[in-house]
Amino acid sequence: MLEYLGWADAADLVRDAVEETISSGKVTYDLERQLEDAEKLATSEYADEVVANIENVS
């Protein structure tokens, strides 16, 4: 949606932060069931991790 609005930089930040969060093994229940050694987070905790990764990337 951000790309559709013409906010490509914001879209890239969010995409990179989500990828980093998943790569670190911190995921929500739906993905935790499918990954080895993953840490299950509540949705709000997952969002906090994504935001932290956005802050680290930018």
C-alpha atoms as a PDB file:
ATOM      1  CA  MET A   1       0.000   0.000   0.000  1.00  0.00           C
ATOM      2  CA  LEU A   2       2.832   2.397   0.766  1.00  0.00           C
ATOM      3  CA  GLU A   3       4.265   1.825  -2.695  1.00  0.00           C
ATOM      4  CA  TYR A   4       0.854   2.514  -4.208  1.00  0.00           C
ATOM      5  CA  LEU A   5       0.811   5.850  -2.380  1.00  0.00           C
ATOM      6  CA  GLY A   6       4.218   6.647  -3.840  1.00  0.00           C
ATOM      7  CA  TRP A   7       6.043   6.201  -0.545  1.00  0.00           C
ATOM      8  CA  ALA A   8       8.678   3.766  -1.807  1.00  0.00           C
ATOM      9  CA  ASP A   9      11.234   4.649   0.877  1.00  0.00           C
ATOM     10  CA  ALA A  10       8.746   3.954   3.667  1.00  0.00           C
ATOM     11  CA  ALA A  11       7.723   0.695   1.993  1.00  0.00           C
ATOM     12  CA  ASP A  12      11.363  -0.380   1.807  1.00  0.00           C
ATOM     13  CA  LEU A  13      11.900   0.416   5.497  1.00  0.00           C
ATOM     14  CA  VAL A  14       8.878  -1.616   6.571  1.00  0.00           C
ATOM     15  CA  ARG A  15       9.754  -4.535   4.281  1.00  0.00           C
ATOM     16  CA  ASP A  16      13.366  -4.618   5.481  1.00  0.00           C
ATOM     17  CA  ALA A  17      12.300  -4.416   9.129  1.00  0.00           C
ATOM     18  CA  VAL A  18       9.801  -7.266   8.731  1.00  0.00           C
ATOM     19  CA  GLU A  19      12.440  -9.397   6.993  1.00  0.00           C
ATOM     20  CA  GLU A  20      14.952  -8.670   9.763  1.00  0.00           C
ATOM     21  CA  THR A  21      12.422  -9.515  12.464  1.00  0.00           C
ATOM     22  CA  ILE A  22      11.553 -12.843  10.858  1.00  0.00           C
ATOM     23  CA  SER A  23      15.220 -13.627  10.182  1.00  0.00           C
ATOM     24  CA  SER A  24      15.987 -13.096  13.852  1.00  0.00           C
ATOM     25  CA  GLY A  25      13.460 -15.824  14.682  1.00  0.00           C
ATOM     26  CA  LYS A  26      10.935 -13.538  16.339  1.00  0.00           C
ATOM     27  CA  VAL A  27       7.551 -14.321  14.840  1.00  0.00           C
ATOM     28  CA  THR A  28       3.870 -14.647  15.642  1.00  0.00           C
ATOM     29  CA  TYR A  29       2.129 -17.951  16.345  1.00  0.00           C
ATOM     30  CA  ASP A  30       1.241 -18.694  12.729  1.00  0.00           C
ATOM     31  CA  LEU A  31       4.896 -18.692  11.662  1.00  0.00           C
ATOM     32  CA  GLU A  32       6.330 -20.080  14.900  1.00  0.00           C
ATOM     33  CA  ARG A  33       4.619 -23.402  14.234  1.00  0.00           C
ATOM     34  CA  GLN A  34       6.506 -23.713  10.939  1.00  0.00           C
ATOM     35  CA  LEU A  35       9.997 -22.617  12.003  1.00  0.00           C
ATOM     36  CA  GLU A  36      12.612 -24.329  14.132  1.00  0.00           C
ATOM     37  CA  ASP A  37      13.969 -22.427  17.122  1.00  0.00           C
ATOM     38  CA  ALA A  38      11.584 -19.524  16.616  1.00  0.00           C
ATOM     39  CA  GLU A  39      10.426 -17.305  19.439  1.00  0.00           C
ATOM     40  CA  LYS A  40       6.650 -16.901  19.564  1.00  0.00           C
ATOM     41  CA  LEU A  41       5.532 -13.321  20.175  1.00  0.00           C
ATOM     42  CA  ALA A  42       2.152 -11.741  20.693  1.00  0.00           C
ATOM     43  CA  THR A  43       1.100  -9.521  17.811  1.00  0.00           C
ATOM     44  CA  SER A  44       1.849  -6.373  19.812  1.00  0.00           C
ATOM     45  CA  GLU A  45       5.307  -7.687  20.731  1.00  0.00           C
ATOM     46  CA  TYR A  46       5.976  -8.524  17.084  1.00  0.00           C
ATOM     47  CA  ALA A  47       4.958  -5.007  16.065  1.00  0.00           C
ATOM     48  CA  ASP A  48       7.322  -3.594  18.705  1.00  0.00           C
ATOM     49  CA  GLU A  49      10.175  -5.643  17.209  1.00  0.00           C
ATOM     50  CA  VAL A  50       9.383  -4.417  13.699  1.00  0.00           C
ATOM     51  CA  VAL A  51       9.343  -0.800  14.916  1.00  0.00           C
ATOM     52  CA  ALA A  52      12.663  -1.327  16.709  1.00  0.00           C
ATOM     53  CA  ASN A  53      14.144  -2.701  13.495  1.00  0.00           C
ATOM     54  CA  ILE A  54      12.837   0.288  11.535  1.00  0.00           C
ATOM     55  CA  GLU A  55      14.566   2.570  14.020  1.00  0.00           C
ATOM     56  CA  ASN A  56      17.803   0.563  13.711  1.00  0.00           C
ATOM     57  CA  VAL A  57      17.750   0.619   9.910  1.00  0.00           C
ATOM     58  CA  SER A  58      16.935   4.295   9.434  1.00  0.00           C
END
